[in-house]
Amino acid sequence: MPRRSPVDPFIVAAQRRTAHLPPPDLKDPVARRRQAAENDAQAFGIFGIERPDVATQDEVVAVDGHPDVRVRVYWPTPERARPGDGLPLMVALYGGGFTIGGIDWTGWDATFRTRARDAGIVIVAPDYSHAPEVRFPAQPEQCWSAFEWAVDHAHELGADPNRVAIGGTSSGGNLAAAVTLMNRDRSNKPIRLQVLEAPALDLTTAHLDAAGVDARVPGVILRRMALRLVRDYLGPDAGLRRHPYASPLRAASLRGLPPAVVYTAELDALRGDGEAYVRALAAAGVPATGVRYIGQTHTSAGLRGWVPAADHQHRDLVATLRTLRDEPTIYPPAKEVAR
């Protein structure tokens, strides 16, 4: 029998109830982004997404050679933290296949608000540019500039520049992993943790794992869909797929990167990327933990009101982020771990 996602009935119900929503105008990228955000707001209302009342502030960060990037700062309470409060800080990157999504989308805005509140941290979320209108390497450069800005302004944001995490989902996981490489190569600011959720880490699609996905969708179709998004993001130069800032899993070395927690889902073709990354980090001497959610899909984690595993992942992630308040764990060298 074909394997089916456990959330199929809920997604089908949502599709039926949102079928009246107009499609975005593909000829106007600004209108497309605005309309998609409105559609998202109505669709997520069906799932009862909570939007906590926390303080926020938008800023614009300059990016050398690329479009400036807007960032939104989320504090854990209705009042913003004061300089010197020393809260942990996380740079969080939304997902959307490099082509959709954003901090104005109800789902992502609500997610960042909830995580800031529940983990007691300051979150800085960049609203990076979309492909194909803007292509690589603009997005990783924007995210790296936003990361640099967040750490450099941590004190005035009420955060601690020595208690920093970076995280992302799907394409945002790709960009988060890329920023850890860029940080290591350029400025080496201290990052205590990287948290990746269903990340896309090899844009050659060599690690795409269709084995656990619904049997009604052949692997060749999934690969074609993935490559279409990759072409939108990278352009026609196939060689860019192996660039380490495009495919962090293919970096020549992963040594010196921050400890990682990587969440994957059994019924997600991208689970191969995330789990291969955990193995590669461990082989490079980087503390890495992989958590696979059985019976879940690429989007399950966003359905907390319907899927128990999604709520569990949220609680696990919050508990992980709360460890930023602790003193860092000093792990033994990799050769000692292997004994």
C-alpha atoms as a PDB file:
ATOM      1  CA  MET A   1       0.000   0.000   0.000  1.00  0.00           C
ATOM      2  CA  PRO A   2       1.237   3.542  -0.711  1.00  0.00           C
ATOM      3  CA  ARG A   3       2.536   5.367   2.355  1.00  0.00           C
ATOM      4  CA  ARG A   4       0.576   8.488   3.174  1.00  0.00           C
ATOM      5  CA  SER A   5       1.284  11.457   5.372  1.00  0.00           C
ATOM      6  CA  PRO A   6      -0.689  11.388   8.637  1.00  0.00           C
ATOM      7  CA  VAL A   7      -1.672  15.040   8.075  1.00  0.00           C
ATOM      8  CA  ASP A   8      -3.111  14.578   4.559  1.00  0.00           C
ATOM      9  CA  PRO A   9      -6.760  14.977   5.733  1.00  0.00           C
ATOM     10  CA  PHE A  10      -5.968  18.283   7.438  1.00  0.00           C
ATOM     11  CA  ILE A  11      -4.081  19.648   4.457  1.00  0.00           C
ATOM     12  CA  VAL A  12      -6.918  18.608   2.143  1.00  0.00           C
ATOM     13  CA  ALA A  13      -9.432  20.361   4.401  1.00  0.00           C
ATOM     14  CA  ALA A  14      -7.307  23.503   4.370  1.00  0.00           C
ATOM     15  CA  GLN A  15      -7.016  23.403   0.615  1.00  0.00           C
ATOM     16  CA  ARG A  16     -10.794  23.141   0.262  1.00  0.00           C
ATOM     17  CA  ARG A  17     -11.437  26.013   2.625  1.00  0.00           C
ATOM     18  CA  THR A  18      -8.862  28.261   0.951  1.00  0.00           C
ATOM     19  CA  ALA A  19      -9.656  27.351  -2.668  1.00  0.00           C
ATOM     20  CA  HIS A  20     -11.404  30.715  -3.107  1.00  0.00           C
ATOM     21  CA  LEU A  21      -8.255  32.688  -2.377  1.00  0.00           C
ATOM     22  CA  PRO A  22      -6.839  34.449  -5.463  1.00  0.00           C
ATOM     23  CA  PRO A  23      -3.432  33.317  -6.726  1.00  0.00           C
ATOM     24  CA  PRO A  24      -0.542  35.795  -6.475  1.00  0.00           C
ATOM     25  CA  ASP A  25       0.164  37.942  -9.545  1.00  0.00           C
ATOM     26  CA  LEU A  26       3.287  36.295 -10.942  1.00  0.00           C
ATOM     27  CA  LYS A  27       4.085  39.363 -13.067  1.00  0.00           C
ATOM     28  CA  ASP A  28       4.491  41.652 -10.062  1.00  0.00           C
ATOM     29  CA  PRO A  29       6.887  40.350  -7.363  1.00  0.00           C
ATOM     30  CA  VAL A  30       5.704  42.908  -4.800  1.00  0.00           C
ATOM     31  CA  ALA A  31       2.038  42.051  -5.378  1.00  0.00           C
ATOM     32  CA  ARG A  32       2.908  38.345  -5.361  1.00  0.00           C
ATOM     33  CA  ARG A  33       4.594  38.648  -1.968  1.00  0.00           C
ATOM     34  CA  ARG A  34       1.727  40.680  -0.504  1.00  0.00           C
ATOM     35  CA  GLN A  35      -1.020  38.406  -1.837  1.00  0.00           C
ATOM     36  CA  ALA A  36       0.819  35.269  -0.751  1.00  0.00           C
ATOM     37  CA  ALA A  37       1.104  36.710   2.766  1.00  0.00           C
ATOM     38  CA  GLU A  38      -2.646  37.430   2.826  1.00  0.00           C
ATOM     39  CA  ASN A  39      -3.412  33.900   1.641  1.00  0.00           C
ATOM     40  CA  ASP A  40      -1.077  32.569   4.314  1.00  0.00           C
ATOM     41  CA  ALA A  41      -2.878  34.565   7.002  1.00  0.00           C
ATOM     42  CA  GLN A  42      -6.252  33.068   6.084  1.00  0.00           C
ATOM     43  CA  ALA A  43      -4.892  29.546   5.653  1.00  0.00           C
ATOM     44  CA  PHE A  44      -3.107  29.536   8.996  1.00  0.00           C
ATOM     45  CA  GLY A  45      -6.241  30.824  10.693  1.00  0.00           C
ATOM     46  CA  ILE A  46      -7.792  27.456   9.911  1.00  0.00           C
ATOM     47  CA  PHE A  47      -5.134  25.759  12.021  1.00  0.00           C
ATOM     48  CA  GLY A  48      -5.601  28.107  14.974  1.00  0.00           C
ATOM     49  CA  ILE A  49      -2.060  29.480  14.957  1.00  0.00           C
ATOM     50  CA  GLU A  50      -1.336  31.524  18.095  1.00  0.00           C
ATOM     51  CA  ARG A  51       0.260  34.955  17.677  1.00  0.00           C
ATOM     52  CA  PRO A  52       1.607  35.991  21.093  1.00  0.00           C
ATOM     53  CA  ASP A  53       1.778  39.640  22.091  1.00  0.00           C
ATOM     54  CA  VAL A  54       5.517  40.298  22.234  1.00  0.00           C
ATOM     55  CA  ALA A  55       7.529  43.416  21.463  1.00  0.00           C
ATOM     56  CA  THR A  56       8.911  43.679  17.935  1.00  0.00           C
ATOM     57  CA  GLN A  57      10.927  46.180  15.934  1.00  0.00           C
ATOM     58  CA  ASP A  58      11.949  46.280  12.263  1.00  0.00           C
ATOM     59  CA  GLU A  59      15.350  47.487  11.101  1.00  0.00           C
ATOM     60  CA  VAL A  60      17.111  47.659   7.721  1.00  0.00           C
ATOM     61  CA  VAL A  61      20.627  46.244   7.429  1.00  0.00           C
ATOM     62  CA  ALA A  62      22.977  47.259   4.620  1.00  0.00           C
ATOM     63  CA  VAL A  63      24.493  44.447   2.541  1.00  0.00           C
ATOM     64  CA  ASP A  64      27.616  45.005   0.449  1.00  0.00           C
ATOM     65  CA  GLY A  65      26.923  44.497  -3.254  1.00  0.00           C
ATOM     66  CA  HIS A  66      23.387  43.177  -2.716  1.00  0.00           C
ATOM     67  CA  PRO A  67      19.940  44.494  -1.727  1.00  0.00           C
ATOM     68  CA  ASP A  68      19.606  45.706   1.839  1.00  0.00           C
ATOM     69  CA  VAL A  69      17.713  43.336   4.104  1.00  0.00           C
ATOM     70  CA  ARG A  70      14.928  44.098   6.550  1.00  0.00           C
ATOM     71  CA  VAL A  71      15.140  42.300   9.881  1.00  0.00           C
ATOM     72  CA  ARG A  72      12.565  41.963  12.644  1.00  0.00           C
ATOM     73  CA  VAL A  73      13.602  41.727  16.272  1.00  0.00           C
ATOM     74  CA  TYR A  74      11.342  39.720  18.584  1.00  0.00           C
ATOM     75  CA  TRP A  75      11.570  40.024  22.357  1.00  0.00           C
ATOM     76  CA  PRO A  76      10.082  37.399  24.716  1.00  0.00           C
ATOM     77  CA  THR A  77       7.660  39.790  26.469  1.00  0.00           C
ATOM     78  CA  PRO A  78       5.403  42.712  25.512  1.00  0.00           C
ATOM     79  CA  GLU A  79       8.203  45.020  26.683  1.00  0.00           C
ATOM     80  CA  ARG A  80      11.525  44.990  24.863  1.00  0.00           C
ATOM     81  CA  ALA A  81      14.571  43.933  26.867  1.00  0.00           C
ATOM     82  CA  ARG A  82      16.866  46.617  28.226  1.00  0.00           C
ATOM     83  CA  PRO A  83      20.540  46.991  27.302  1.00  0.00           C
ATOM     84  CA  GLY A  84      22.562  44.712  29.518  1.00  0.00           C
ATOM     85  CA  ASP A  85      19.761  42.223  30.254  1.00  0.00           C
ATOM     86  CA  GLY A  86      21.929  39.567  28.599  1.00  0.00           C
ATOM     87  CA  LEU A  87      19.222  37.381  27.072  1.00  0.00           C
ATOM     88  CA  PRO A  88      20.257  34.645  24.644  1.00  0.00           C
ATOM     89  CA  LEU A  89      20.062  35.647  20.988  1.00  0.00           C
ATOM     90  CA  MET A  90      18.971  33.636  17.962  1.00  0.00           C
ATOM     91  CA  VAL A  91      19.102  34.542  14.279  1.00  0.00           C
ATOM     92  CA  ALA A  92      16.181  32.642  12.728  1.00  0.00           C
ATOM     93  CA  LEU A  93      15.650  32.072   9.007  1.00  0.00           C
ATOM     94  CA  TYR A  94      12.252  31.206   7.562  1.00  0.00           C
ATOM     95  CA  GLY A  95      11.726  28.571   4.866  1.00  0.00           C
ATOM     96  CA  GLY A  96       9.983  28.737   1.526  1.00  0.00           C
ATOM     97  CA  GLY A  97      12.112  27.141  -1.167  1.00  0.00           C
ATOM     98  CA  PHE A  98      14.024  30.434  -1.636  1.00  0.00           C
ATOM     99  CA  THR A  99      10.960  31.762  -3.509  1.00  0.00           C
ATOM    100  CA  ILE A 100       8.173  32.457  -0.976  1.00  0.00           C
ATOM    101  CA  GLY A 101       7.667  33.154   2.726  1.00  0.00           C
ATOM    102  CA  GLY A 102       8.799  36.016   4.922  1.00  0.00           C
ATOM    103  CA  ILE A 103       8.545  37.667   8.309  1.00  0.00           C
ATOM    104  CA  ASP A 104       5.172  39.183   7.370  1.00  0.00           C
ATOM    105  CA  TRP A 105       3.650  35.756   6.785  1.00  0.00           C
ATOM    106  CA  THR A 106       1.322  34.945   9.649  1.00  0.00           C
ATOM    107  CA  GLY A 107       2.776  31.480  10.160  1.00  0.00           C
ATOM    108  CA  TRP A 108       6.411  32.577  10.359  1.00  0.00           C
ATOM    109  CA  ASP A 109       5.702  35.707  12.378  1.00  0.00           C
ATOM    110  CA  ALA A 110       3.669  33.658  14.854  1.00  0.00           C
ATOM    111  CA  THR A 111       6.397  30.991  15.028  1.00  0.00           C
ATOM    112  CA  PHE A 112       9.109  33.534  15.871  1.00  0.00           C
ATOM    113  CA  ARG A 113       6.880  35.262  18.427  1.00  0.00           C
ATOM    114  CA  THR A 114       6.078  31.953  20.117  1.00  0.00           C
ATOM    115  CA  ARG A 115       9.672  30.751  20.203  1.00  0.00           C
ATOM    116  CA  ALA A 116      10.944  34.041  21.591  1.00  0.00           C
ATOM    117  CA  ARG A 117       8.329  33.923  24.354  1.00  0.00           C
ATOM    118  CA  ASP A 118       8.634  30.236  25.227  1.00  0.00           C
ATOM    119  CA  ALA A 119      12.448  30.080  25.142  1.00  0.00           C
ATOM    120  CA  GLY A 120      12.944  33.479  26.774  1.00  0.00           C
ATOM    121  CA  ILE A 121      15.277  34.706  24.024  1.00  0.00           C
ATOM    122  CA  VAL A 122      15.674  37.559  21.561  1.00  0.00           C
ATOM    123  CA  ILE A 123      15.100  36.484  17.947  1.00  0.00           C
ATOM    124  CA  VAL A 124      16.349  38.397  14.916  1.00  0.00           C
ATOM    125  CA  ALA A 125      14.659  37.246  11.691  1.00  0.00           C
ATOM    126  CA  PRO A 126      15.941  38.514   8.312  1.00  0.00           C
ATOM    127  CA  ASP A 127      13.438  38.999   5.475  1.00  0.00           C
ATOM    128  CA  TYR A 128      15.873  37.868   2.787  1.00  0.00           C
ATOM    129  CA  SER A 129      15.171  38.362  -0.936  1.00  0.00           C
ATOM    130  CA  HIS A 130      13.270  35.863  -3.062  1.00  0.00           C
ATOM    131  CA  ALA A 131      14.364  34.062  -6.218  1.00  0.00           C
ATOM    132  CA  PRO A 132      14.165  34.233  -9.168  1.00  0.00           C
ATOM    133  CA  GLU A 133      14.040  38.058  -9.022  1.00  0.00           C
ATOM    134  CA  VAL A 134      17.132  38.023  -6.758  1.00  0.00           C
ATOM    135  CA  ARG A 135      19.515  35.091  -6.895  1.00  0.00           C
ATOM    136  CA  PHE A 136      22.447  33.531  -5.068  1.00  0.00           C
ATOM    137  CA  PRO A 137      24.682  34.710  -3.479  1.00  0.00           C
ATOM    138  CA  ALA A 138      22.466  37.598  -2.374  1.00  0.00           C
ATOM    139  CA  GLN A 139      20.493  35.510   0.151  1.00  0.00           C
ATOM    140  CA  PRO A 140      23.422  34.075   2.157  1.00  0.00           C
ATOM    141  CA  GLU A 141      25.125  37.480   2.050  1.00  0.00           C
ATOM    142  CA  GLN A 142      21.970  39.137   3.381  1.00  0.00           C
ATOM    143  CA  CYS A 143      21.646  36.547   6.142  1.00  0.00           C
ATOM    144  CA  TRP A 144      25.315  36.846   7.088  1.00  0.00           C
ATOM    145  CA  SER A 145      25.026  40.657   7.230  1.00  0.00           C
ATOM    146  CA  ALA A 146      21.925  40.307   9.414  1.00  0.00           C
ATOM    147  CA  PHE A 147      23.804  37.890  11.677  1.00  0.00           C
ATOM    148  CA  GLU A 148      26.738  40.328  11.974  1.00  0.00           C
ATOM    149  CA  TRP A 149      24.326  43.165  12.753  1.00  0.00           C
ATOM    150  CA  ALA A 150      22.531  41.120  15.409  1.00  0.00           C
ATOM    151  CA  VAL A 151      25.732  40.171  17.226  1.00  0.00           C
ATOM    152  CA  ASP A 152      27.207  43.671  16.946  1.00  0.00           C
ATOM    153  CA  HIS A 153      23.994  45.203  18.359  1.00  0.00           C
ATOM    154  CA  ALA A 154      23.316  42.472  20.904  1.00  0.00           C
ATOM    155  CA  HIS A 155      23.922  44.681  23.940  1.00  0.00           C
ATOM    156  CA  GLU A 156      21.452  47.372  22.900  1.00  0.00           C
ATOM    157  CA  LEU A 157      18.914  44.657  22.042  1.00  0.00           C
ATOM    158  CA  GLY A 158      19.174  43.332  25.596  1.00  0.00           C
ATOM    159  CA  ALA A 159      21.019  40.218  24.426  1.00  0.00           C
ATOM    160  CA  ASP A 160      24.355  38.560  25.123  1.00  0.00           C
ATOM    161  CA  PRO A 161      26.742  38.327  22.122  1.00  0.00           C
ATOM    162  CA  ASN A 162      28.320  35.264  23.725  1.00  0.00           C
ATOM    163  CA  ARG A 163      25.037  33.322  23.887  1.00  0.00           C
ATOM    164  CA  VAL A 164      24.127  33.182  20.213  1.00  0.00           C
ATOM    165  CA  ALA A 165      22.334  30.545  18.146  1.00  0.00           C
ATOM    166  CA  ILE A 166      21.382  30.412  14.498  1.00  0.00           C
ATOM    167  CA  GLY A 167      18.587  28.332  13.036  1.00  0.00           C
ATOM    168  CA  GLY A 168      16.407  27.825  10.020  1.00  0.00           C
ATOM    169  CA  THR A 169      13.813  25.648   8.346  1.00  0.00           C
ATOM    170  CA  SER A 170      14.055  24.054   4.888  1.00  0.00           C
ATOM    171  CA  SER A 171      15.693  26.700   2.645  1.00  0.00           C
ATOM    172  CA  GLY A 172      16.198  28.727   5.824  1.00  0.00           C
ATOM    173  CA  GLY A 173      18.146  25.763   7.206  1.00  0.00           C
ATOM    174  CA  ASN A 174      20.347  25.924   4.121  1.00  0.00           C
ATOM    175  CA  LEU A 175      21.010  29.619   4.738  1.00  0.00           C
ATOM    176  CA  ALA A 176      21.635  29.107   8.458  1.00  0.00           C
ATOM    177  CA  ALA A 177      24.232  26.427   7.731  1.00  0.00           C
ATOM    178  CA  ALA A 178      25.792  28.680   5.080  1.00  0.00           C
ATOM    179  CA  VAL A 179      26.075  31.524   7.596  1.00  0.00           C
ATOM    180  CA  THR A 180      27.951  29.267  10.034  1.00  0.00           C
ATOM    181  CA  LEU A 181      30.499  28.611   7.267  1.00  0.00           C
ATOM    182  CA  MET A 182      30.703  32.297   6.328  1.00  0.00           C
ATOM    183  CA  ASN A 183      31.142  33.249   9.973  1.00  0.00           C
ATOM    184  CA  ARG A 184      33.946  30.685  10.390  1.00  0.00           C
ATOM    185  CA  ASP A 185      35.652  31.867   7.215  1.00  0.00           C
ATOM    186  CA  ARG A 186      35.284  35.615   7.807  1.00  0.00           C
ATOM    187  CA  SER A 187      34.798  36.795  11.367  1.00  0.00           C
ATOM    188  CA  ASN A 188      34.560  33.765  13.647  1.00  0.00           C
ATOM    189  CA  LYS A 189      32.089  35.287  16.073  1.00  0.00           C
ATOM    190  CA  PRO A 190      31.069  32.821  18.795  1.00  0.00           C
ATOM    191  CA  ILE A 191      27.999  30.735  17.882  1.00  0.00           C
ATOM    192  CA  ARG A 192      26.905  28.354  20.613  1.00  0.00           C
ATOM    193  CA  LEU A 193      24.375  26.368  18.586  1.00  0.00           C
ATOM    194  CA  GLN A 194      22.891  25.785  15.145  1.00  0.00           C
ATOM    195  CA  VAL A 195      19.354  24.388  14.982  1.00  0.00           C
ATOM    196  CA  LEU A 196      18.166  23.154  11.591  1.00  0.00           C
ATOM    197  CA  GLU A 197      14.668  21.879  10.780  1.00  0.00           C
ATOM    198  CA  ALA A 198      14.119  19.781   7.638  1.00  0.00           C
ATOM    199  CA  PRO A 199      17.066  21.571   5.999  1.00  0.00           C
ATOM    200  CA  ALA A 200      17.991  21.510   2.317  1.00  0.00           C
ATOM    201  CA  LEU A 201      21.786  21.230   2.456  1.00  0.00           C
ATOM    202  CA  ASP A 202      22.867  19.739  -0.877  1.00  0.00           C
ATOM    203  CA  LEU A 203      21.437  21.549  -3.899  1.00  0.00           C
ATOM    204  CA  THR A 204      22.858  18.959  -6.279  1.00  0.00           C
ATOM    205  CA  THR A 205      19.965  16.798  -4.919  1.00  0.00           C
ATOM    206  CA  ALA A 206      22.429  13.893  -4.518  1.00  0.00           C
ATOM    207  CA  HIS A 207      21.251  13.355  -0.924  1.00  0.00           C
ATOM    208  CA  LEU A 208      17.554  13.650  -1.718  1.00  0.00           C
ATOM    209  CA  ASP A 209      15.886  10.573  -0.186  1.00  0.00           C
ATOM    210  CA  ALA A 210      12.547   9.703  -1.751  1.00  0.00           C
ATOM    211  CA  ALA A 211      12.396   6.226  -0.189  1.00  0.00           C
ATOM    212  CA  GLY A 212      10.109   7.201   2.668  1.00  0.00           C
ATOM    213  CA  VAL A 213       7.873   9.612   0.771  1.00  0.00           C
ATOM    214  CA  ASP A 214       4.347   8.810  -0.377  1.00  0.00           C
ATOM    215  CA  ALA A 215       4.670   6.138  -3.092  1.00  0.00           C
ATOM    216  CA  ARG A 216       2.210   8.069  -5.284  1.00  0.00           C
ATOM    217  CA  VAL A 217       4.980  10.642  -5.933  1.00  0.00           C
ATOM    218  CA  PRO A 218       7.885   9.033  -7.843  1.00  0.00           C
ATOM    219  CA  GLY A 219      11.393  10.081  -6.849  1.00  0.00           C
ATOM    220  CA  VAL A 220      12.114  11.413 -10.328  1.00  0.00           C
ATOM    221  CA  ILE A 221       9.272  13.909  -9.990  1.00  0.00           C
ATOM    222  CA  LEU A 222      10.510  15.075  -6.601  1.00  0.00           C
ATOM    223  CA  ARG A 223      13.998  15.565  -8.028  1.00  0.00           C
ATOM    224  CA  ARG A 224      12.649  17.570 -10.966  1.00  0.00           C
ATOM    225  CA  MET A 225      10.668  19.791  -8.616  1.00  0.00           C
ATOM    226  CA  ALA A 226      13.723  20.324  -6.433  1.00  0.00           C
ATOM    227  CA  LEU A 227      15.951  21.156  -9.402  1.00  0.00           C
ATOM    228  CA  ARG A 228      13.422  23.700 -10.652  1.00  0.00           C
ATOM    229  CA  LEU A 229      13.658  25.555  -7.329  1.00  0.00           C
ATOM    230  CA  VAL A 230      17.445  25.249  -7.455  1.00  0.00           C
ATOM    231  CA  ARG A 231      17.525  26.809 -10.927  1.00  0.00           C
ATOM    232  CA  ASP A 232      15.310  29.657  -9.736  1.00  0.00           C
ATOM    233  CA  TYR A 233      17.706  30.273  -6.852  1.00  0.00           C
ATOM    234  CA  LEU A 234      21.125  29.666  -8.438  1.00  0.00           C
ATOM    235  CA  GLY A 235      20.449  30.408 -12.092  1.00  0.00           C
ATOM    236  CA  PRO A 236      21.702  28.384 -15.064  1.00  0.00           C
ATOM    237  CA  ASP A 237      25.253  27.770 -13.774  1.00  0.00           C
ATOM    238  CA  ALA A 238      25.065  24.153 -12.553  1.00  0.00           C
ATOM    239  CA  GLY A 239      28.525  24.499 -11.011  1.00  0.00           C
ATOM    240  CA  LEU A 240      27.095  26.750  -8.293  1.00  0.00           C
ATOM    241  CA  ARG A 241      25.217  23.772  -6.865  1.00  0.00           C
ATOM    242  CA  ARG A 242      28.505  22.600  -5.335  1.00  0.00           C
ATOM    243  CA  HIS A 243      29.458  25.985  -3.883  1.00  0.00           C
ATOM    244  CA  PRO A 244      29.746  25.528  -0.084  1.00  0.00           C
ATOM    245  CA  TYR A 245      27.533  28.555   0.608  1.00  0.00           C
ATOM    246  CA  ALA A 246      24.865  27.041  -1.665  1.00  0.00           C
ATOM    247  CA  SER A 247      25.338  23.421  -0.530  1.00  0.00           C
ATOM    248  CA  PRO A 248      26.877  23.511   2.972  1.00  0.00           C
ATOM    249  CA  LEU A 249      26.943  19.710   3.086  1.00  0.00           C
ATOM    250  CA  ARG A 250      29.506  19.826   0.268  1.00  0.00           C
ATOM    251  CA  ALA A 251      31.936  22.165   2.041  1.00  0.00           C
ATOM    252  CA  ALA A 252      35.531  20.917   1.920  1.00  0.00           C
ATOM    253  CA  SER A 253      35.648  20.987   5.724  1.00  0.00           C
ATOM    254  CA  LEU A 254      33.041  21.346   8.460  1.00  0.00           C
ATOM    255  CA  ARG A 255      35.609  21.667  11.240  1.00  0.00           C
ATOM    256  CA  GLY A 256      35.166  24.566  13.599  1.00  0.00           C
ATOM    257  CA  LEU A 257      31.406  24.844  13.158  1.00  0.00           C
ATOM    258  CA  PRO A 258      29.058  25.216  16.143  1.00  0.00           C
ATOM    259  CA  PRO A 259      27.318  22.227  17.754  1.00  0.00           C
ATOM    260  CA  ALA A 260      24.184  21.267  15.868  1.00  0.00           C
ATOM    261  CA  VAL A 261      20.719  19.851  16.451  1.00  0.00           C
ATOM    262  CA  VAL A 262      19.040  18.757  13.213  1.00  0.00           C
ATOM    263  CA  TYR A 263      15.370  17.746  12.999  1.00  0.00           C
ATOM    264  CA  THR A 264      14.218  15.577  10.094  1.00  0.00           C
ATOM    265  CA  ALA A 265      10.970  13.828   9.162  1.00  0.00           C
ATOM    266  CA  GLU A 266      10.519  10.253   7.966  1.00  0.00           C
ATOM    267  CA  LEU A 267       8.238  11.176   5.051  1.00  0.00           C
ATOM    268  CA  ASP A 268      10.387  14.043   3.799  1.00  0.00           C
ATOM    269  CA  ALA A 269      12.744  13.659   0.845  1.00  0.00           C
ATOM    270  CA  LEU A 270      15.079  16.175   2.514  1.00  0.00           C
ATOM    271  CA  ARG A 271      15.706  13.878   5.457  1.00  0.00           C
ATOM    272  CA  GLY A 272      18.739  12.572   3.552  1.00  0.00           C
ATOM    273  CA  ASP A 273      20.300  16.048   3.570  1.00  0.00           C
ATOM    274  CA  GLY A 274      19.810  16.625   7.282  1.00  0.00           C
ATOM    275  CA  GLU A 275      20.979  13.202   8.390  1.00  0.00           C
ATOM    276  CA  ALA A 276      24.016  13.252   6.100  1.00  0.00           C
ATOM    277  CA  TYR A 277      24.925  16.644   7.593  1.00  0.00           C
ATOM    278  CA  VAL A 278      24.786  15.239  11.127  1.00  0.00           C
ATOM    279  CA  ARG A 279      27.121  12.412  10.102  1.00  0.00           C
ATOM    280  CA  ALA A 280      29.492  14.813   8.334  1.00  0.00           C
ATOM    281  CA  LEU A 281      29.610  17.167  11.330  1.00  0.00           C
ATOM    282  CA  ALA A 282      30.330  14.287  13.701  1.00  0.00           C
ATOM    283  CA  ALA A 283      33.114  13.042  11.403  1.00  0.00           C
ATOM    284  CA  ALA A 284      34.603  16.562  11.507  1.00  0.00           C
ATOM    285  CA  GLY A 285      34.617  16.561  15.313  1.00  0.00           C
ATOM    286  CA  VAL A 286      31.568  18.820  15.700  1.00  0.00           C
ATOM    287  CA  PRO A 287      29.009  17.765  18.350  1.00  0.00           C
ATOM    288  CA  ALA A 288      25.859  16.976  16.384  1.00  0.00           C
ATOM    289  CA  THR A 289      22.487  15.452  17.228  1.00  0.00           C
ATOM    290  CA  GLY A 290      19.927  14.251  14.698  1.00  0.00           C
ATOM    291  CA  VAL A 291      16.264  13.728  15.579  1.00  0.00           C
ATOM    292  CA  ARG A 292      13.973  12.010  13.054  1.00  0.00           C
ATOM    293  CA  TYR A 293      10.213  12.244  13.572  1.00  0.00           C
ATOM    294  CA  ILE A 294       8.560   9.032  12.416  1.00  0.00           C
ATOM    295  CA  GLY A 295       5.464   9.327  10.261  1.00  0.00           C
ATOM    296  CA  GLN A 296       5.910  13.067   9.718  1.00  0.00           C
ATOM    297  CA  THR A 297       6.291  15.148   6.554  1.00  0.00           C
ATOM    298  CA  HIS A 298       8.309  18.184   5.515  1.00  0.00           C
ATOM    299  CA  THR A 299       5.608  20.532   6.817  1.00  0.00           C
ATOM    300  CA  SER A 300       4.339  18.618   9.867  1.00  0.00           C
ATOM    301  CA  ALA A 301       6.260  20.756  12.357  1.00  0.00           C
ATOM    302  CA  GLY A 302       4.139  23.780  11.474  1.00  0.00           C
ATOM    303  CA  LEU A 303       0.889  22.059  12.451  1.00  0.00           C
ATOM    304  CA  ARG A 304       1.116  22.163  16.240  1.00  0.00           C
ATOM    305  CA  GLY A 305      -2.645  22.405  16.668  1.00  0.00           C
ATOM    306  CA  TRP A 306      -3.199  19.154  14.767  1.00  0.00           C
ATOM    307  CA  VAL A 307      -0.108  16.979  15.017  1.00  0.00           C
ATOM    308  CA  PRO A 308       1.199  15.854  18.443  1.00  0.00           C
ATOM    309  CA  ALA A 309       4.704  15.324  17.044  1.00  0.00           C
ATOM    310  CA  ALA A 310       4.794  18.968  15.957  1.00  0.00           C
ATOM    311  CA  ASP A 311       4.033  20.129  19.485  1.00  0.00           C
ATOM    312  CA  HIS A 312       6.709  17.770  20.797  1.00  0.00           C
ATOM    313  CA  GLN A 313       9.263  19.171  18.365  1.00  0.00           C
ATOM    314  CA  HIS A 314       8.415  22.710  19.476  1.00  0.00           C
ATOM    315  CA  ARG A 315       8.917  21.777  23.127  1.00  0.00           C
ATOM    316  CA  ASP A 316      12.155  19.977  22.348  1.00  0.00           C
ATOM    317  CA  LEU A 317      13.450  22.939  20.361  1.00  0.00           C
ATOM    318  CA  VAL A 318      12.503  25.374  23.136  1.00  0.00           C
ATOM    319  CA  ALA A 319      14.281  23.226  25.713  1.00  0.00           C
ATOM    320  CA  THR A 320      17.340  23.170  23.450  1.00  0.00           C
ATOM    321  CA  LEU A 321      17.312  26.960  23.081  1.00  0.00           C
ATOM    322  CA  ARG A 322      17.022  27.400  26.844  1.00  0.00           C
ATOM    323  CA  THR A 323      20.423  25.722  27.210  1.00  0.00           C
ATOM    324  CA  LEU A 324      21.908  28.943  25.820  1.00  0.00           C
ATOM    325  CA  ARG A 325      21.500  30.285  29.351  1.00  0.00           C
ATOM    326  CA  ASP A 326      23.845  27.586  30.666  1.00  0.00           C
ATOM    327  CA  GLU A 327      27.599  27.571  30.578  1.00  0.00           C
ATOM    328  CA  PRO A 328      28.795  25.933  27.338  1.00  0.00           C
ATOM    329  CA  THR A 329      29.556  22.229  27.500  1.00  0.00           C
ATOM    330  CA  ILE A 330      33.210  21.443  26.778  1.00  0.00           C
ATOM    331  CA  TYR A 331      33.280  18.328  24.639  1.00  0.00           C
ATOM    332  CA  PRO A 332      36.391  16.136  24.352  1.00  0.00           C
ATOM    333  CA  PRO A 333      38.262  16.018  21.037  1.00  0.00           C
ATOM    334  CA  ALA A 334      36.731  13.849  18.336  1.00  0.00           C
ATOM    335  CA  LYS A 335      39.474  11.218  18.590  1.00  0.00           C
ATOM    336  CA  GLU A 336      38.584  10.696  22.256  1.00  0.00           C
ATOM    337  CA  VAL A 337      34.868  10.400  21.476  1.00  0.00           C
ATOM    338  CA  ALA A 338      35.656   7.625  18.987  1.00  0.00           C
ATOM    339  CA  ARG A 339      37.341   5.388  21.544  1.00  0.00           C
END
